[in-house]
PDB file of all heavy atoms in Angstrom:
ATOM      1  N   VAL A   1     102.656  54.994  55.585  1.00  0.00           N
ATOM      2  CA  VAL A   1     101.335  54.429  55.875  1.00  0.00           C
ATOM      3  C   VAL A   1     101.091  53.282  54.907  1.00  0.00           C
ATOM      4  O   VAL A   1     101.184  53.464  53.688  1.00  0.00           O
ATOM      5  CB  VAL A   1     100.223  55.487  55.731  1.00  0.00           C
ATOM      6  CG1 VAL A   1      98.875  54.905  56.127  1.00  0.00           C
ATOM      7  CG2 VAL A   1     100.534  56.727  56.560  1.00  0.00           C
ATOM      8  N   THR A   2     100.795  52.105  55.430  1.00  0.00           N
ATOM      9  CA  THR A   2     100.528  50.952  54.572  1.00  0.00           C
ATOM     10  C   THR A   2      99.108  51.037  54.029  1.00  0.00           C
ATOM     11  O   THR A   2      98.269  51.785  54.550  1.00  0.00           O
ATOM     12  CB  THR A   2     100.691  49.643  55.350  1.00  0.00           C
ATOM     13  OG1 THR A   2      99.639  49.552  56.327  1.00  0.00           O
ATOM     14  CG2 THR A   2     102.044  49.584  56.045  1.00  0.00           C
ATOM     15  N   PRO A   3      98.792  50.246  52.989  1.00  0.00           N
ATOM     16  CA  PRO A   3      97.414  50.214  52.477  1.00  0.00           C
ATOM     17  C   PRO A   3      96.393  49.823  53.547  1.00  0.00           C
ATOM     18  O   PRO A   3      95.220  50.205  53.456  1.00  0.00           O
ATOM     19  CB  PRO A   3      97.477  49.169  51.366  1.00  0.00           C
ATOM     20  CG  PRO A   3      98.901  49.208  50.891  1.00  0.00           C
ATOM     21  CD  PRO A   3      99.709  49.468  52.127  1.00  0.00           C
ATOM     22  N   ASP A   4      96.830  49.092  54.578  1.00  0.00           N
ATOM     23  CA  ASP A   4      95.921  48.698  55.663  1.00  0.00           C
ATOM     24  C   ASP A   4      95.785  49.766  56.734  1.00  0.00           C
ATOM     25  O   ASP A   4      95.024  49.594  57.693  1.00  0.00           O
ATOM     26  CB  ASP A   4      96.423  47.401  56.313  1.00  0.00           C
ATOM     27  CG  ASP A   4      96.362  46.224  55.355  1.00  0.00           C
ATOM     28  OD1 ASP A   4      95.490  46.245  54.473  1.00  0.00           O
ATOM     29  OD2 ASP A   4      97.185  45.302  55.502  1.00  0.00           O
ATOM     30  N   GLY A   5      96.548  50.864  56.599  1.00  0.00           N
ATOM     31  CA  GLY A   5      96.417  51.953  57.564  1.00  0.00           C
ATOM     32  C   GLY A   5      97.408  51.920  58.704  1.00  0.00           C
ATOM     33  O   GLY A   5      97.295  52.709  59.644  1.00  0.00           O
ATOM     34  N   ASP A   6      98.419  51.026  58.665  1.00  0.00           N
ATOM     35  CA  ASP A   6      99.445  51.000  59.706  1.00  0.00           C
ATOM     36  C   ASP A   6     100.415  52.159  59.486  1.00  0.00           C
ATOM     37  O   ASP A   6     100.987  52.311  58.405  1.00  0.00           O
ATOM     38  CB  ASP A   6     100.208  49.678  59.677  1.00  0.00           C
ATOM     39  CG  ASP A   6      99.336  48.500  60.090  1.00  0.00           C
ATOM     40  OD1 ASP A   6      98.532  48.674  61.023  1.00  0.00           O
ATOM     41  OD2 ASP A   6      99.451  47.419  59.478  1.00  0.00           O
ATOM     42  N   VAL A   7     100.596  52.952  60.537  1.00  0.00           N
ATOM     43  CA  VAL A   7     101.454  54.135  60.462  1.00  0.00           C
ATOM     44  C   VAL A   7     102.765  53.856  61.192  1.00  0.00           C
ATOM     45  O   VAL A   7     102.754  53.428  62.348  1.00  0.00           O
ATOM     46  CB  VAL A   7     100.763  55.363  61.083  1.00  0.00           C
ATOM     47  CG1 VAL A   7     101.653  56.593  60.988  1.00  0.00           C
ATOM     48  CG2 VAL A   7      99.431  55.623  60.385  1.00  0.00           C
ATOM     49  N   SER A   8     103.897  54.083  60.519  1.00  0.00           N
ATOM     50  CA  SER A   8     105.206  53.845  61.109  1.00  0.00           C
ATOM     51  C   SER A   8     106.087  55.064  60.903  1.00  0.00           C
ATOM     52  O   SER A   8     106.209  55.575  59.780  1.00  0.00           O
ATOM     53  CB  SER A   8     105.892  52.626  60.484  1.00  0.00           C
ATOM     54  OG  SER A   8     105.110  51.464  60.653  1.00  0.00           O
ATOM     55  N   MET A   9     106.713  55.528  61.978  1.00  0.00           N
ATOM     56  CA  MET A   9     107.664  56.636  61.867  1.00  0.00           C
ATOM     57  C   MET A   9     109.006  56.102  61.385  1.00  0.00           C
ATOM     58  O   MET A   9     109.443  55.013  61.770  1.00  0.00           O
ATOM     59  CB  MET A   9     107.844  57.327  63.218  1.00  0.00           C
ATOM     60  CG  MET A   9     108.835  58.479  63.177  1.00  0.00           C
ATOM     61  SD  MET A   9     109.085  59.231  64.793  1.00  0.00           S
ATOM     62  CE  MET A   9     110.511  60.270  64.438  1.00  0.00           C
ATOM     63  N   LEU A  10     109.688  56.870  60.523  1.00  0.00           N
ATOM     64  CA  LEU A  10     111.005  56.501  60.025  1.00  0.00           C
ATOM     65  C   LEU A  10     112.062  57.191  60.886  1.00  0.00           C
ATOM     66  O   LEU A  10     112.275  58.400  60.760  1.00  0.00           O
ATOM     67  CB  LEU A  10     111.163  56.929  58.564  1.00  0.00           C
ATOM     68  CG  LEU A  10     110.163  56.323  57.576  1.00  0.00           C
ATOM     69  CD1 LEU A  10     110.372  56.913  56.186  1.00  0.00           C
ATOM     70  CD2 LEU A  10     110.286  54.801  57.542  1.00  0.00           C
ATOM     71  N   PRO A  11     112.725  56.472  61.782  1.00  0.00           N
ATOM     72  CA  PRO A  11     113.716  57.097  62.655  1.00  0.00           C
ATOM     73  C   PRO A  11     115.030  57.335  61.923  1.00  0.00           C
ATOM     74  O   PRO A  11     115.372  56.615  60.975  1.00  0.00           O
ATOM     75  CB  PRO A  11     113.889  56.070  63.777  1.00  0.00           C
ATOM     76  CG  PRO A  11     113.601  54.761  63.125  1.00  0.00           C
ATOM     77  CD  PRO A  11     112.554  55.026  62.075  1.00  0.00           C
ATOM     78  N   PHE A  12     115.762  58.326  62.351  1.00  0.00           N
ATOM     79  CA  PHE A  12     117.089  58.594  61.785  1.00  0.00           C
ATOM     80  C   PHE A  12     118.059  57.502  62.219  1.00  0.00           C
ATOM     81  O   PHE A  12     118.133  57.137  63.389  1.00  0.00           O
ATOM     82  CB  PHE A  12     117.601  59.959  62.243  1.00  0.00           C
ATOM     83  CG  PHE A  12     119.051  60.184  61.937  1.00  0.00           C
ATOM     84  CD1 PHE A  12     119.479  60.296  60.621  1.00  0.00           C
ATOM     85  CD2 PHE A  12     119.995  60.275  62.956  1.00  0.00           C
ATOM     86  CE1 PHE A  12     120.823  60.491  60.332  1.00  0.00           C
ATOM     87  CE2 PHE A  12     121.328  60.480  62.674  1.00  0.00           C
ATOM     88  CZ  PHE A  12     121.750  60.593  61.359  1.00  0.00           C
ATOM     89  N   ASP A  13     118.816  56.983  61.244  1.00  0.00           N
ATOM     90  CA  ASP A  13     119.792  55.935  61.523  1.00  0.00           C
ATOM     91  C   ASP A  13     121.038  56.217  60.690  1.00  0.00           C
ATOM     92  O   ASP A  13     121.003  56.145  59.452  1.00  0.00           O
ATOM     93  CB  ASP A  13     119.220  54.561  61.168  1.00  0.00           C
ATOM     94  CG  ASP A  13     120.154  53.424  61.546  1.00  0.00           C
ATOM     95  OD1 ASP A  13     121.312  53.695  61.909  1.00  0.00           O
ATOM     96  OD2 ASP A  13     119.726  52.258  61.457  1.00  0.00           O
ATOM     97  N   PRO A  14     122.180  56.542  61.335  1.00  0.00           N
ATOM     98  CA  PRO A  14     123.408  56.838  60.573  1.00  0.00           C
ATOM     99  C   PRO A  14     123.843  55.694  59.669  1.00  0.00           C
ATOM    100  O   PRO A  14     124.532  55.923  58.667  1.00  0.00           O
ATOM    101  CB  PRO A  14     124.446  57.089  61.674  1.00  0.00           C
ATOM    102  CG  PRO A  14     123.651  57.479  62.877  1.00  0.00           C
ATOM    103  CD  PRO A  14     122.374  56.702  62.780  1.00  0.00           C
ATOM    104  N   ALA A  15     123.434  54.465  59.981  1.00  0.00           N
ATOM    105  CA  ALA A  15     123.836  53.320  59.166  1.00  0.00           C
ATOM    106  C   ALA A  15     123.253  53.379  57.760  1.00  0.00           C
ATOM    107  O   ALA A  15     123.736  52.696  56.850  1.00  0.00           O
ATOM    108  CB  ALA A  15     123.404  52.020  59.852  1.00  0.00           C
ATOM    109  N   HIS A  16     122.217  54.185  57.550  1.00  0.00           N
ATOM    110  CA  HIS A  16     121.593  54.300  56.235  1.00  0.00           C
ATOM    111  C   HIS A  16     122.297  55.321  55.339  1.00  0.00           C
ATOM    112  O   HIS A  16     121.883  55.539  54.202  1.00  0.00           O
ATOM    113  CB  HIS A  16     120.126  54.702  56.379  1.00  0.00           C
ATOM    114  CG  HIS A  16     119.289  53.617  56.995  1.00  0.00           C
ATOM    115  ND1 HIS A  16     118.050  53.867  57.558  1.00  0.00           N
ATOM    116  CD2 HIS A  16     119.508  52.295  57.144  1.00  0.00           C
ATOM    117  CE1 HIS A  16     117.556  52.734  58.024  1.00  0.00           C
ATOM    118  NE2 HIS A  16     118.413  51.770  57.785  1.00  0.00           N
ATOM    119  N   TYR A  17     123.374  55.931  55.868  1.00  0.00           N
ATOM    120  CA  TYR A  17     124.091  56.960  55.119  1.00  0.00           C
ATOM    121  C   TYR A  17     125.539  56.544  54.894  1.00  0.00           C
ATOM    122  O   TYR A  17     126.131  55.820  55.704  1.00  0.00           O
ATOM    123  CB  TYR A  17     124.071  58.298  55.867  1.00  0.00           C
ATOM    124  CG  TYR A  17     122.693  58.900  56.004  1.00  0.00           C
ATOM    125  CD1 TYR A  17     121.847  58.517  57.041  1.00  0.00           C
ATOM    126  CD2 TYR A  17     122.235  59.859  55.110  1.00  0.00           C
ATOM    127  CE1 TYR A  17     120.578  59.067  57.179  1.00  0.00           C
ATOM    128  CE2 TYR A  17     120.969  60.418  55.236  1.00  0.00           C
ATOM    129  CZ  TYR A  17     120.153  60.021  56.274  1.00  0.00           C
ATOM    130  OH  TYR A  17     118.905  60.562  56.394  1.00  0.00           O
ATOM    131  N   SER A  18     126.101  57.010  53.786  1.00  0.00           N
ATOM    132  CA  SER A  18     127.541  56.864  53.559  1.00  0.00           C
ATOM    133  C   SER A  18     128.197  58.213  53.838  1.00  0.00           C
ATOM    134  O   SER A  18     127.731  59.247  53.363  1.00  0.00           O
ATOM    135  CB  SER A  18     127.819  56.412  52.126  1.00  0.00           C
ATOM    136  OG  SER A  18     127.378  57.387  51.200  1.00  0.00           O
ATOM    137  N   TYR A  19     129.257  58.182  54.625  1.00  0.00           N
ATOM    138  CA  TYR A  19     129.981  59.400  55.011  1.00  0.00           C
ATOM    139  C   TYR A  19     131.306  59.387  54.256  1.00  0.00           C
ATOM    140  O   TYR A  19     132.233  58.667  54.608  1.00  0.00           O
ATOM    141  CB  TYR A  19     130.205  59.420  56.518  1.00  0.00           C
ATOM    142  CG  TYR A  19     128.934  59.483  57.333  1.00  0.00           C
ATOM    143  CD1 TYR A  19     128.163  58.342  57.540  1.00  0.00           C
ATOM    144  CD2 TYR A  19     128.488  60.688  57.879  1.00  0.00           C
ATOM    145  CE1 TYR A  19     126.986  58.396  58.280  1.00  0.00           C
ATOM    146  CE2 TYR A  19     127.309  60.748  58.622  1.00  0.00           C
ATOM    147  CZ  TYR A  19     126.569  59.593  58.813  1.00  0.00           C
ATOM    148  OH  TYR A  19     125.397  59.656  59.549  1.00  0.00           O
ATOM    149  N   ASP A  20     131.371  60.161  53.198  1.00  0.00           N
ATOM    150  CA  ASP A  20     132.528  60.130  52.312  1.00  0.00           C
ATOM    151  C   ASP A  20     133.381  61.379  52.485  1.00  0.00           C
ATOM    152  O   ASP A  20     132.964  62.373  53.099  1.00  0.00           O
ATOM    153  CB  ASP A  20     132.068  60.021  50.854  1.00  0.00           C
ATOM    154  CG  ASP A  20     131.162  58.819  50.621  1.00  0.00           C
ATOM    155  OD1 ASP A  20     131.439  57.756  51.202  1.00  0.00           O
ATOM    156  OD2 ASP A  20     130.170  58.955  49.866  1.00  0.00           O
ATOM    157  N   ALA A  21     134.580  61.328  51.894  1.00  0.00           N
ATOM    158  CA  ALA A  21     135.492  62.470  51.839  1.00  0.00           C
ATOM    159  C   ALA A  21     135.633  63.130  53.215  1.00  0.00           C
ATOM    160  O   ALA A  21     135.962  62.466  54.193  1.00  0.00           O
ATOM    161  CB  ALA A  21     135.007  63.466  50.781  1.00  0.00           C
ATOM    162  N   SER A  22     135.360  64.436  53.291  1.00  0.00           N
ATOM    163  CA  SER A  22     135.554  65.173  54.547  1.00  0.00           C
ATOM    164  C   SER A  22     134.576  64.764  55.634  1.00  0.00           C
ATOM    165  O   SER A  22     134.745  65.140  56.796  1.00  0.00           O
ATOM    166  CB  SER A  22     135.430  66.678  54.294  1.00  0.00           C
ATOM    167  OG  SER A  22     134.157  67.001  53.761  1.00  0.00           O
ATOM    168  N   ALA A  23     133.542  63.984  55.295  1.00  0.00           N
ATOM    169  CA  ALA A  23     132.561  63.548  56.293  1.00  0.00           C
ATOM    170  C   ALA A  23     132.894  62.179  56.870  1.00  0.00           C
ATOM    171  O   ALA A  23     132.205  61.708  57.790  1.00  0.00           O
ATOM    172  CB  ALA A  23     131.167  63.517  55.669  1.00  0.00           C
ATOM    173  N   GLU A  24     133.949  61.552  56.377  1.00  0.00           N
ATOM    174  CA  GLU A  24     134.236  60.169  56.761  1.00  0.00           C
ATOM    175  C   GLU A  24     134.413  59.995  58.260  1.00  0.00           C
ATOM    176  O   GLU A  24     133.960  59.010  58.852  1.00  0.00           O
ATOM    177  CB  GLU A  24     135.485  59.683  56.029  1.00  0.00           C
ATOM    178  CG  GLU A  24     135.794  58.207  56.247  1.00  0.00           C
ATOM    179  CD  GLU A  24     136.969  57.734  55.423  1.00  0.00           C
ATOM    180  OE1 GLU A  24     137.561  58.573  54.690  1.00  0.00           O
ATOM    181  OE2 GLU A  24     137.292  56.539  55.504  1.00  0.00           O
ATOM    182  N   SER A  25     135.043  60.961  58.918  1.00  0.00           N
ATOM    183  CA  SER A  25     135.315  60.837  60.352  1.00  0.00           C
ATOM    184  C   SER A  25     134.097  61.153  61.220  1.00  0.00           C
ATOM    185  O   SER A  25     134.136  60.963  62.440  1.00  0.00           O
ATOM    186  CB  SER A  25     136.454  61.782  60.740  1.00  0.00           C
ATOM    187  OG  SER A  25     136.096  63.138  60.471  1.00  0.00           O
ATOM    188  N   LEU A  26     133.015  61.624  60.609  1.00  0.00           N
ATOM    189  CA  LEU A  26     131.855  62.061  61.386  1.00  0.00           C
ATOM    190  C   LEU A  26     130.975  60.906  61.870  1.00  0.00           C
ATOM    191  O   LEU A  26     130.314  61.023  62.902  1.00  0.00           O
ATOM    192  CB  LEU A  26     130.999  63.028  60.557  1.00  0.00           C
ATOM    193  CG  LEU A  26     131.602  64.395  60.238  1.00  0.00           C
ATOM    194  CD1 LEU A  26     130.626  65.200  59.383  1.00  0.00           C
ATOM    195  CD2 LEU A  26     131.941  65.145  61.509  1.00  0.00           C
ATOM    196  N   GLN A  27     130.937  59.818  61.114  1.00  0.00           N
ATOM    197  CA  GLN A  27     129.978  58.757  61.434  1.00  0.00           C
ATOM    198  C   GLN A  27     130.115  58.229  62.863  1.00  0.00           C
ATOM    199  O   GLN A  27     129.118  58.209  63.602  1.00  0.00           O
ATOM    200  CB  GLN A  27     130.075  57.611  60.439  1.00  0.00           C
ATOM    201  CG  GLN A  27     129.014  56.536  60.690  1.00  0.00           C
ATOM    202  CD  GLN A  27     128.948  55.516  59.567  1.00  0.00           C
ATOM    203  OE1 GLN A  27     129.704  55.578  58.612  1.00  0.00           O
ATOM    204  NE2 GLN A  27     128.037  54.566  59.677  1.00  0.00           N
ATOM    205  N   PRO A  28     131.302  57.815  63.331  1.00  0.00           N
ATOM    206  CA  PRO A  28     131.379  57.316  64.707  1.00  0.00           C
ATOM    207  C   PRO A  28     131.064  58.382  65.745  1.00  0.00           C
ATOM    208  O   PRO A  28     130.464  58.086  66.788  1.00  0.00           O
ATOM    209  CB  PRO A  28     132.821  56.815  64.827  1.00  0.00           C
ATOM    210  CG  PRO A  28     133.576  57.505  63.744  1.00  0.00           C
ATOM    211  CD  PRO A  28     132.599  57.685  62.636  1.00  0.00           C
ATOM    212  N   VAL A  29     131.424  59.628  65.443  1.00  0.00           N
ATOM    213  CA  VAL A  29     131.139  60.724  66.383  1.00  0.00           C
ATOM    214  C   VAL A  29     129.633  60.935  66.496  1.00  0.00           C
ATOM    215  O   VAL A  29     129.088  61.083  67.597  1.00  0.00           O
ATOM    216  CB  VAL A  29     131.836  62.028  65.921  1.00  0.00           C
ATOM    217  CG1 VAL A  29     131.486  63.180  66.854  1.00  0.00           C
ATOM    218  CG2 VAL A  29     133.331  61.825  65.847  1.00  0.00           C
ATOM    219  N   ILE A  30     128.943  60.918  65.351  1.00  0.00           N
ATOM    220  CA  ILE A  30     127.493  61.121  65.346  1.00  0.00           C
ATOM    221  C   ILE A  30     126.787  59.951  66.020  1.00  0.00           C
ATOM    222  O   ILE A  30     125.870  60.144  66.825  1.00  0.00           O
ATOM    223  CB  ILE A  30     126.996  61.316  63.898  1.00  0.00           C
ATOM    224  CG1 ILE A  30     127.488  62.657  63.356  1.00  0.00           C
ATOM    225  CG2 ILE A  30     125.476  61.231  63.831  1.00  0.00           C
ATOM    226  CD1 ILE A  30     127.198  62.870  61.886  1.00  0.00           C
ATOM    227  N   GLU A  31     127.211  58.727  65.722  1.00  0.00           N
ATOM    228  CA  GLU A  31     126.585  57.550  66.332  1.00  0.00           C
ATOM    229  C   GLU A  31     126.693  57.583  67.848  1.00  0.00           C
ATOM    230  O   GLU A  31     125.734  57.278  68.570  1.00  0.00           O
ATOM    231  CB  GLU A  31     127.229  56.285  65.779  1.00  0.00           C
ATOM    232  CG  GLU A  31     126.868  55.990  64.332  1.00  0.00           C
ATOM    233  CD  GLU A  31     127.596  54.781  63.784  1.00  0.00           C
ATOM    234  OE1 GLU A  31     128.596  54.364  64.419  1.00  0.00           O
ATOM    235  OE2 GLU A  31     127.184  54.258  62.730  1.00  0.00           O
ATOM    236  N   GLN A  32     127.863  57.982  68.353  1.00  0.00           N
ATOM    237  CA  GLN A  32     128.051  58.037  69.791  1.00  0.00           C
ATOM    238  C   GLN A  32     127.244  59.171  70.413  1.00  0.00           C
ATOM    239  O   GLN A  32     126.660  59.017  71.494  1.00  0.00           O
ATOM    240  CB  GLN A  32     129.535  58.206  70.115  1.00  0.00           C
ATOM    241  CG  GLN A  32     129.833  58.206  71.615  1.00  0.00           C
ATOM    242  CD  GLN A  32     131.324  58.286  71.907  1.00  0.00           C
ATOM    243  OE1 GLN A  32     132.131  58.396  71.000  1.00  0.00           O
ATOM    244  NE2 GLN A  32     131.679  58.240  73.184  1.00  0.00           N
ATOM    245  N   ALA A  33     127.225  60.316  69.754  1.00  0.00           N
ATOM    246  CA  ALA A  33     126.530  61.480  70.303  1.00  0.00           C
ATOM    247  C   ALA A  33     125.015  61.265  70.351  1.00  0.00           C
ATOM    248  O   ALA A  33     124.346  61.724  71.281  1.00  0.00           O
ATOM    249  CB  ALA A  33     126.857  62.725  69.477  1.00  0.00           C
ATOM    250  N   ILE A  34     124.476  60.554  69.370  1.00  0.00           N
ATOM    251  CA  ILE A  34     123.031  60.341  69.313  1.00  0.00           C
ATOM    252  C   ILE A  34     122.580  59.352  70.378  1.00  0.00           C
ATOM    253  O   ILE A  34     121.586  59.562  71.069  1.00  0.00           O
ATOM    254  CB  ILE A  34     122.618  59.855  67.913  1.00  0.00           C
ATOM    255  CG1 ILE A  34     122.779  60.992  66.909  1.00  0.00           C
ATOM    256  CG2 ILE A  34     121.177  59.356  67.910  1.00  0.00           C
ATOM    257  CD1 ILE A  34     122.522  60.570  65.491  1.00  0.00           C
ATOM    258  N   GLY A  35     123.327  58.275  70.531  1.00  0.00           N
ATOM    259  CA  GLY A  35     122.938  57.257  71.510  1.00  0.00           C
ATOM    260  C   GLY A  35     121.558  56.702  71.203  1.00  0.00           C
ATOM    261  O   GLY A  35     121.282  56.245  70.099  1.00  0.00           O
TER     262      GLY A  35
END
């Protein structure tokens, strides 16, 4: 919520995460599955 009262939802975005080690192969799978 901004000081002016504008409300914005924060959507999930895989691009904001790093998928390391055993999770490295998950990013493209998750991106495709979410659509």
